[in-house]
Amino acid sequence: MIIDAHAHLLPKDYPSDAPECFPHMEAVEGSTDRLLEFGAMSFRAKDVFFEAERRIEAQDASGVDAEVVSPMPPLLRYDLPAADGLSLARHVNEFAAELASHNPGRLIALGMVPMQDPDAATAELAAMKDAGLAGVEIASNILGSSIGDEKFLPFFQQAERLGLSVFVHAMPSPMDRLPKSAMGTYVVGIEGMFAAASMILGGTALACPDLRISFSHAAGGLAMMLPRANYFWGGSWNEEPKDLARAVMPDDGPSPLELARRFYYDSMVFDRRTIRYLIDLLGADRLLVGSDFPAMLREEPAAKTLRSMELPDDDWQDIAWRNALRWLGRPEHA
């Protein structure tokens, strides 16, 4: 069995009386596609984004048994007025729940919340759970603030209490130090690392030990930085016992590596050598299958690189489906 834990949806339409800042979806003549217009963004969306039957057909074609579908990241517009952001989130969440209802065994939906208003975002989580959504997708930064900032702690505590899964999608933020062409590559990796590191350094990972949270694209460069962070924490190489005489920033709490192993990471990193490193450092029980479908093409068949790695059967079963069910808080026989 394979569960794709990183796939995306788009609502087919938006209310005719929606605020001017809402997206617009227009029919494309002679096609089942629709054109999404959202501020400066224009995106032609294939019907697999919003038609349940087409999604199931696409799953069958690539060997996927179920998908965790979350809103396309450009919908996470935290720059909207808070009230408009909440209205947009509720519309997207209603569509996500409806899409998943067509086949709950194959489509597991996450929603979104207006993180620009942490109180409103926190209050919305209970309604999302009542609607049958499995969790919530957030971006890797909120208007320039790290997700590990203390102002977001009540949000994560509420997600933990409600048993909702959290998916952190790396979102590029324009910067002067790299050209625009780096937004989808290097900057996504930087953003993923910042988000996960902020959860460790800001105290959220320690404060929410039962929070089920995953990071897109293996949290970018995090895994390469963790051994250095561990050295600063405990003064030793290779995760050996502490040598406090060498520690730069000694800490009596759990090590950065221990905290990072509380998270899940999708393995969409485009190279089996990177996946091997992630397994070695973080554990096969931390990795998920991810594709970014249909925003990006899946490998054919799905998880082709993982299939080619001749992993021990327990590792393969963990990554292919068991970890996804653990992240979702669902029985492993589901």
Protein backbone atom coordinates (compact mmCIF):
# COMPACT_ATOMS: atom_id res chain seq x y z
CA MET A 1 0.00 0.00 0.00
CA ILE A 2 1.13 3.57 -0.74
CA ILE A 3 -0.26 6.73 0.83
CA ASP A 4 0.78 9.97 -0.83
CA ALA A 5 0.97 12.39 2.12
CA HIS A 6 1.69 15.50 0.05
CA ALA A 7 -0.86 16.24 -2.66
CA HIS A 8 -2.99 19.30 -3.37
CA LEU A 9 -6.52 20.43 -4.15
CA LEU A 10 -8.18 23.57 -5.48
CA PRO A 11 -11.86 24.43 -5.12
CA LYS A 12 -13.64 24.41 -8.45
CA ASP A 13 -15.41 27.72 -7.81
CA TYR A 14 -15.68 30.60 -5.34
CA PRO A 15 -18.82 32.44 -4.19
CA SER A 16 -20.09 35.12 -6.58
CA ASP A 17 -20.50 37.51 -3.65
CA ALA A 18 -17.02 36.84 -2.25
CA PRO A 19 -14.75 39.78 -1.37
CA GLU A 20 -12.76 41.25 -4.24
CA CYS A 21 -9.56 39.76 -2.79
CA PHE A 22 -10.85 36.17 -3.20
CA PRO A 23 -9.54 33.93 -6.01
CA HIS A 24 -11.51 33.52 -9.21
CA MET A 25 -11.86 30.26 -11.14
CA GLU A 26 -12.98 30.58 -14.73
CA ALA A 27 -13.84 27.87 -17.22
CA VAL A 28 -11.35 27.27 -20.02
CA GLU A 29 -13.14 27.00 -23.35
CA GLY A 30 -12.90 23.57 -24.93
CA SER A 31 -11.35 22.03 -21.81
CA THR A 32 -12.24 20.65 -18.39
CA ASP A 33 -9.43 22.79 -16.95
CA ARG A 34 -10.15 25.98 -15.04
CA LEU A 35 -8.11 29.15 -14.81
CA LEU A 36 -7.28 30.32 -11.30
CA GLU A 37 -6.72 34.06 -10.95
CA PHE A 38 -5.51 35.15 -7.53
CA GLY A 39 -3.88 38.54 -7.30
CA ALA A 40 -0.82 38.49 -9.54
CA MET A 41 -1.00 34.71 -9.94
CA SER A 42 -2.59 33.03 -12.94
CA PHE A 43 -2.63 29.22 -12.95
CA ARG A 44 -4.32 26.75 -15.28
CA ALA A 45 -5.64 23.93 -13.10
CA LYS A 46 -6.46 20.50 -14.48
CA ASP A 47 -9.71 18.93 -13.35
CA VAL A 48 -7.84 16.43 -11.18
CA PHE A 49 -7.41 19.30 -8.69
CA PHE A 50 -11.14 19.45 -7.97
CA GLU A 51 -12.90 16.36 -9.34
CA ALA A 52 -12.92 13.35 -7.00
CA GLU A 53 -13.40 10.77 -9.76
CA ARG A 54 -10.41 12.12 -11.67
CA ARG A 55 -8.27 11.97 -8.54
CA ILE A 56 -9.13 8.33 -7.95
CA GLU A 57 -8.36 7.54 -11.60
CA ALA A 58 -4.99 9.28 -11.23
CA GLN A 59 -4.26 7.32 -8.06
CA ASP A 60 -5.04 4.04 -9.79
CA ALA A 61 -2.88 4.96 -12.75
CA SER A 62 0.20 5.60 -10.61
CA GLY A 63 -0.26 2.94 -7.94
CA VAL A 64 -1.42 5.14 -5.06
CA ASP A 65 -3.92 3.74 -2.57
CA ALA A 66 -4.79 7.01 -0.80
CA GLU A 67 -3.85 10.68 -0.79
CA VAL A 68 -3.65 13.30 1.90
CA VAL A 69 -4.87 16.36 -0.01
CA SER A 70 -4.18 19.88 1.20
CA PRO A 71 -4.93 23.31 -0.29
CA MET A 72 -2.62 24.55 -3.02
CA PRO A 73 -0.08 26.68 -1.12
CA PRO A 74 -0.87 29.96 -2.98
CA LEU A 75 -4.25 29.86 -1.23
CA LEU A 76 -2.43 30.45 2.07
CA ARG A 77 -2.64 34.21 1.67
CA TYR A 78 -1.81 35.53 5.10
CA ASP A 79 -1.64 39.05 3.73
CA LEU A 80 -5.43 39.20 3.38
CA PRO A 81 -7.47 41.03 6.03
CA ALA A 82 -8.13 38.56 8.84
CA ALA A 83 -11.90 38.42 8.25
CA ASP A 84 -11.41 37.74 4.53
CA GLY A 85 -8.77 35.14 5.34
CA LEU A 86 -11.22 33.35 7.61
CA SER A 87 -13.95 33.45 4.95
CA LEU A 88 -11.58 32.04 2.35
CA ALA A 89 -10.40 29.31 4.73
CA ARG A 90 -13.98 28.28 5.48
CA HIS A 91 -14.83 28.06 1.79
CA VAL A 92 -11.72 25.98 1.03
CA ASN A 93 -12.37 23.74 4.06
CA GLU A 94 -15.96 23.12 3.02
CA PHE A 95 -14.79 22.11 -0.44
CA ALA A 96 -11.99 19.91 0.99
CA ALA A 97 -14.44 18.05 3.23
CA GLU A 98 -16.87 17.59 0.34
CA LEU A 99 -14.12 16.29 -1.96
CA ALA A 100 -12.96 13.74 0.63
CA SER A 101 -16.54 12.60 1.28
CA HIS A 102 -16.68 11.07 -2.21
CA ASN A 103 -14.27 8.34 -1.10
CA PRO A 104 -12.99 8.72 2.49
CA GLY A 105 -10.79 5.65 2.15
CA ARG A 106 -8.87 7.15 -0.75
CA LEU A 107 -9.06 10.91 -0.06
CA ILE A 108 -8.03 12.34 3.31
CA ALA A 109 -8.37 16.12 3.45
CA LEU A 110 -6.55 18.85 5.33
CA GLY A 111 -7.88 22.38 5.62
CA MET A 112 -6.45 25.83 6.22
CA VAL A 113 -6.83 28.66 8.73
CA PRO A 114 -6.05 32.41 8.78
CA MET A 115 -2.70 32.27 10.59
CA GLN A 116 -2.44 36.08 10.27
CA ASP A 117 -4.91 36.06 13.20
CA PRO A 118 -3.58 33.36 15.57
CA ASP A 119 -6.66 33.54 17.82
CA ALA A 120 -9.06 33.07 14.90
CA ALA A 121 -6.89 30.27 13.50
CA THR A 122 -6.92 28.48 16.85
CA ALA A 123 -10.67 28.89 17.28
CA GLU A 124 -11.33 27.44 13.81
CA LEU A 125 -9.64 24.10 14.50
CA ALA A 126 -12.59 22.57 16.34
CA ALA A 127 -14.93 23.36 13.45
CA MET A 128 -12.48 21.75 11.05
CA LYS A 129 -12.43 18.57 13.09
CA ASP A 130 -16.23 18.56 13.29
CA ALA A 131 -16.32 18.85 9.48
CA GLY A 132 -14.26 15.66 9.20
CA LEU A 133 -10.97 17.21 8.18
CA ALA A 134 -7.91 15.28 9.35
CA GLY A 135 -5.75 18.31 10.01
CA VAL A 136 -4.50 21.65 8.81
CA GLU A 137 -1.90 22.93 6.37
CA ILE A 138 0.11 26.03 7.24
CA ALA A 139 2.92 27.85 5.48
CA SER A 140 6.50 27.84 6.74
CA ASN A 141 6.33 31.47 7.81
CA ILE A 142 3.50 33.81 8.72
CA LEU A 143 4.11 37.27 7.27
CA GLY A 144 7.79 36.88 8.12
CA SER A 145 7.27 35.37 11.58
CA SER A 146 8.59 31.89 12.29
CA ILE A 147 5.96 29.28 13.09
CA GLY A 148 7.89 28.56 16.29
CA ASP A 149 7.16 32.07 17.57
CA GLU A 150 5.45 31.94 20.97
CA LYS A 151 2.37 33.72 19.58
CA PHE A 152 1.51 30.55 17.64
CA LEU A 153 1.98 28.16 20.59
CA PRO A 154 -1.73 28.15 21.56
CA PHE A 155 -2.56 27.15 17.97
CA PHE A 156 -0.28 24.12 18.11
CA GLN A 157 -1.46 23.22 21.61
CA GLN A 158 -5.05 23.21 20.38
CA ALA A 159 -4.15 21.06 17.36
CA GLU A 160 -2.43 18.67 19.76
CA ARG A 161 -5.47 18.56 22.09
CA LEU A 162 -7.86 17.92 19.19
CA GLY A 163 -5.64 15.28 17.63
CA LEU A 164 -5.39 17.16 14.34
CA SER A 165 -2.38 16.64 12.10
CA VAL A 166 -0.35 19.65 10.95
CA PHE A 167 1.35 19.88 7.56
CA VAL A 168 3.93 22.64 7.12
CA HIS A 169 4.41 23.54 3.48
CA ALA A 170 7.58 25.44 2.65
CA MET A 171 6.67 28.74 1.00
CA PRO A 172 9.37 30.86 -0.63
CA SER A 173 9.78 34.38 0.70
CA PRO A 174 11.42 36.92 -1.60
CA MET A 175 14.92 37.83 -0.51
CA ASP A 176 17.67 40.05 -1.85
CA ARG A 177 20.49 37.54 -1.41
CA LEU A 178 19.26 35.12 -4.10
CA PRO A 179 17.63 35.78 -7.49
CA LYS A 180 13.96 35.11 -8.14
CA SER A 181 14.93 31.96 -10.02
CA ALA A 182 15.94 30.44 -6.66
CA MET A 183 12.50 30.78 -5.08
CA GLY A 184 11.34 27.28 -5.95
CA THR A 185 14.65 25.57 -5.23
CA TYR A 186 17.10 26.94 -2.69
CA VAL A 187 14.64 29.27 -0.95
CA VAL A 188 12.09 26.49 -0.45
CA GLY A 189 14.84 24.48 1.21
CA ILE A 190 15.83 27.40 3.42
CA GLU A 191 12.20 28.01 4.39
CA GLY A 192 11.66 24.37 5.33
CA MET A 193 14.73 24.42 7.55
CA PHE A 194 13.74 27.70 9.20
CA ALA A 195 10.26 26.38 9.99
CA ALA A 196 11.38 23.12 11.57
CA ALA A 197 14.32 24.73 13.40
CA SER A 198 12.01 27.37 14.84
CA MET A 199 9.80 24.66 16.30
CA ILE A 200 12.86 23.21 18.05
CA LEU A 201 14.47 26.46 19.16
CA GLY A 202 11.25 28.27 20.04
CA GLY A 203 10.17 25.56 22.44
CA THR A 204 7.04 24.36 20.63
CA ALA A 205 8.43 20.86 19.99
CA LEU A 206 9.18 20.50 23.71
CA ALA A 207 5.86 22.01 24.80
CA CYS A 208 3.78 19.84 22.44
CA PRO A 209 5.26 16.33 22.66
CA ASP A 210 2.18 14.70 21.11
CA LEU A 211 1.78 17.14 18.23
CA ARG A 212 1.69 15.24 14.94
CA ILE A 213 3.44 17.54 12.46
CA SER A 214 5.05 16.93 9.09
CA PHE A 215 7.22 19.08 6.87
CA SER A 216 7.25 19.20 3.08
CA HIS A 217 10.38 18.19 1.21
CA ALA A 218 12.03 16.84 4.38
CA ALA A 219 12.21 20.35 5.87
CA GLY A 220 14.76 21.41 3.29
CA GLY A 221 18.27 21.65 4.68
CA LEU A 222 17.36 20.78 8.28
CA ALA A 223 18.91 17.32 8.31
CA MET A 224 22.31 18.65 7.23
CA MET A 225 22.30 21.23 10.04
CA LEU A 226 21.12 18.97 12.87
CA PRO A 227 24.52 17.35 13.61
CA ARG A 228 26.05 20.83 13.99
CA ALA A 229 23.19 21.86 16.26
CA ASN A 230 23.75 18.69 18.28
CA TYR A 231 27.42 19.54 18.67
CA PHE A 232 26.61 23.03 19.95
CA TRP A 233 24.07 21.45 22.36
CA GLY A 234 26.25 18.63 23.72
CA GLY A 235 29.80 19.02 22.46
CA SER A 236 30.09 15.60 20.82
CA TRP A 237 30.40 14.25 17.30
CA ASN A 238 28.31 11.40 15.87
CA GLU A 239 25.65 11.69 18.59
CA GLU A 240 28.06 10.28 21.14
CA PRO A 241 27.65 11.05 24.89
CA LYS A 242 27.85 14.70 25.87
CA ASP A 243 31.20 16.42 26.20
CA LEU A 244 30.19 19.62 27.94
CA ALA A 245 33.73 20.96 27.86
CA ARG A 246 33.28 21.31 24.09
CA ALA A 247 29.61 22.36 24.03
CA VAL A 248 29.13 25.88 22.70
CA MET A 249 25.54 26.26 23.95
CA PRO A 250 25.01 23.48 26.53
CA ASP A 251 21.41 22.54 27.27
CA ASP A 252 19.93 20.05 29.75
CA GLY A 253 16.84 19.43 27.62
CA PRO A 254 16.39 16.94 24.77
CA SER A 255 18.92 17.25 21.97
CA PRO A 256 18.00 18.92 18.67
CA LEU A 257 18.10 15.49 17.04
CA GLU A 258 15.75 14.02 19.63
CA LEU A 259 13.26 16.84 19.05
CA ALA A 260 13.59 16.60 15.26
CA ARG A 261 12.70 12.90 15.51
CA ARG A 262 9.29 13.89 16.84
CA PHE A 263 8.43 15.32 13.41
CA TYR A 264 7.49 13.63 10.15
CA TYR A 265 9.02 14.54 6.79
CA ASP A 266 7.91 13.77 3.28
CA SER A 267 10.63 12.13 1.24
CA MET A 268 10.13 14.17 -1.93
CA VAL A 269 13.82 15.11 -2.12
CA PHE A 270 14.53 13.88 -5.68
CA ASP A 271 17.53 11.65 -4.90
CA ARG A 272 17.88 8.23 -3.26
CA ARG A 273 21.17 9.30 -1.66
CA THR A 274 19.37 12.02 0.26
CA ILE A 275 16.66 9.58 1.31
CA ARG A 276 19.32 7.19 2.63
CA TYR A 277 20.82 9.99 4.71
CA LEU A 278 17.40 10.91 6.10
CA ILE A 279 16.75 7.30 7.05
CA ASP A 280 20.16 7.01 8.70
CA LEU A 281 19.88 10.28 10.64
CA LEU A 282 16.17 10.59 11.45
CA GLY A 283 14.85 7.05 11.01
CA ALA A 284 12.65 5.26 8.52
CA ASP A 285 9.77 5.76 10.96
CA ARG A 286 9.87 9.52 10.28
CA LEU A 287 9.51 9.59 6.48
CA LEU A 288 6.42 9.79 4.28
CA VAL A 289 5.75 9.42 0.57
CA GLY A 290 5.04 12.79 -1.04
CA SER A 291 4.54 13.97 -4.61
CA ASP A 292 3.10 17.53 -4.72
CA PHE A 293 0.60 16.10 -7.23
CA PRO A 294 -0.97 17.51 -9.36
CA ALA A 295 1.06 20.70 -9.04
CA MET A 296 4.01 18.50 -10.00
CA LEU A 297 4.05 15.20 -11.85
CA ARG A 298 4.38 12.07 -9.78
CA GLU A 299 7.11 9.57 -10.41
CA GLU A 300 5.66 6.72 -12.43
CA PRO A 301 4.88 4.54 -10.68
CA ALA A 302 4.46 6.53 -7.47
CA ALA A 303 7.44 6.31 -5.11
CA LYS A 304 9.54 4.84 -7.90
CA THR A 305 12.81 5.96 -6.27
CA LEU A 306 11.83 4.49 -2.91
CA ARG A 307 10.80 1.25 -4.60
CA SER A 308 14.22 1.04 -6.27
CA MET A 309 16.20 1.30 -3.03
CA GLU A 310 15.74 -2.31 -1.86
CA LEU A 311 14.86 -1.12 1.63
CA PRO A 312 14.25 -3.65 4.40
CA ASP A 313 10.58 -4.57 4.30
CA ASP A 314 9.78 -2.90 7.63
CA ASP A 315 11.39 0.36 6.45
CA TRP A 316 9.50 0.23 3.16
CA GLN A 317 6.16 -0.45 4.84
CA ASP A 318 6.79 2.40 7.30
CA ILE A 319 7.58 4.95 4.61
CA ALA A 320 5.02 3.72 2.08
CA TRP A 321 1.98 3.88 4.36
CA ARG A 322 2.35 3.13 8.08
CA ASN A 323 3.99 6.46 8.97
CA ALA A 324 1.24 8.35 7.18
CA LEU A 325 -1.39 6.63 9.30
CA ARG A 326 0.64 7.36 12.44
CA TRP A 327 0.94 11.03 11.46
CA LEU A 328 -2.81 11.10 10.84
CA GLY A 329 -3.50 9.37 14.14
CA ARG A 330 -5.27 6.47 12.42
CA PRO A 331 -5.09 2.74 13.13
CA GLU A 332 -2.37 1.03 11.16
CA HIS A 333 -4.79 -1.60 9.87
CA ALA A 334 -6.84 1.13 8.12
